Amino acid sequence: MRHQFTLEYWQDGNWHVGRLIEVPGVFSQGATLEELRENIQEVYDLLITQERTPAPPAARQEAMELEV
């Protein structure tokens, strides 16, 4: 299944740097815009397919409000 995301990117010296607006943590760079797109795809793939270490049995969760 394909989803559409927004790639925000800019030039930093000789590098194209970017991130996916809708997916926090997906950030990369590339020597060309095409390389940046490929790297962003790879980061996204790793983020959604990585296995998460389960929390210990005694772990708890709670709602938390933060000041932004």
Protein backbone atom coordinates (compact mmCIF):
# COMPACT_ATOMS: atom_id res chain seq x y z
CA MET A 1 0.00 0.00 0.00
CA ARG A 2 1.31 3.46 -0.85
CA HIS A 3 0.81 6.61 1.22
CA GLN A 4 1.63 10.17 0.29
CA PHE A 5 3.80 12.21 2.67
CA THR A 6 5.28 15.70 2.53
CA LEU A 7 9.05 15.88 2.09
CA GLU A 8 10.36 19.18 3.43
CA TYR A 9 13.93 19.78 2.25
CA TRP A 10 16.61 22.44 2.01
CA GLN A 11 20.21 22.90 0.92
CA ASP A 12 22.90 22.81 3.64
CA GLY A 13 26.24 23.44 1.98
CA ASN A 14 26.60 20.70 -0.63
CA TRP A 15 23.91 18.50 0.97
CA HIS A 16 20.18 18.21 0.44
CA VAL A 17 18.65 17.73 3.90
CA GLY A 18 15.05 16.80 4.55
CA ARG A 19 12.37 15.25 6.69
CA LEU A 20 8.86 13.87 6.39
CA ILE A 21 6.48 16.36 7.97
CA GLU A 22 3.89 13.72 8.93
CA VAL A 23 6.34 11.19 10.42
CA PRO A 24 8.52 12.49 13.27
CA GLY A 25 11.97 10.93 13.26
CA VAL A 26 12.25 10.46 9.49
CA PHE A 27 15.14 12.80 8.65
CA SER A 28 18.08 12.33 6.27
CA GLN A 29 20.42 13.91 3.75
CA GLY A 30 21.83 13.20 0.32
CA ALA A 31 24.35 14.56 -2.15
CA THR A 32 21.49 14.94 -4.67
CA LEU A 33 17.75 15.38 -4.29
CA GLU A 34 17.25 11.86 -5.68
CA GLU A 35 19.68 10.43 -3.10
CA LEU A 36 17.81 12.31 -0.35
CA ARG A 37 14.52 10.75 -1.53
CA GLU A 38 16.10 7.27 -1.49
CA ASN A 39 17.57 7.84 1.98
CA ILE A 40 14.25 9.14 3.33
CA GLN A 41 12.54 5.99 1.99
CA GLU A 42 15.16 3.82 3.71
CA VAL A 43 14.76 5.65 7.04
CA TYR A 44 10.97 5.35 6.81
CA ASP A 45 11.22 1.63 6.04
CA LEU A 46 13.54 1.06 9.01
CA LEU A 47 11.31 3.06 11.34
CA ILE A 48 8.12 1.15 10.55
CA THR A 49 9.63 -2.33 10.30
CA GLN A 50 11.98 -2.36 13.28
CA GLU A 51 11.03 -4.60 16.15
CA ARG A 52 10.51 -2.82 19.41
CA THR A 53 11.92 -4.24 22.61
CA PRO A 54 8.99 -5.17 24.86
CA ALA A 55 8.65 -3.25 28.11
CA PRO A 56 9.30 -5.14 31.34
CA PRO A 57 6.22 -6.73 32.95
CA ALA A 58 6.16 -4.06 35.69
CA ALA A 59 6.03 -1.17 33.19
CA ARG A 60 3.13 1.26 33.45
CA GLN A 61 1.69 3.92 31.17
CA GLU A 62 0.02 7.21 31.96
CA ALA A 63 -1.27 10.24 30.09
CA MET A 64 1.00 13.25 30.40
CA GLU A 65 0.46 16.89 29.48
CA LEU A 66 3.45 18.89 28.28
CA GLU A 67 3.84 22.62 27.89
CA VAL A 68 4.65 23.48 24.30
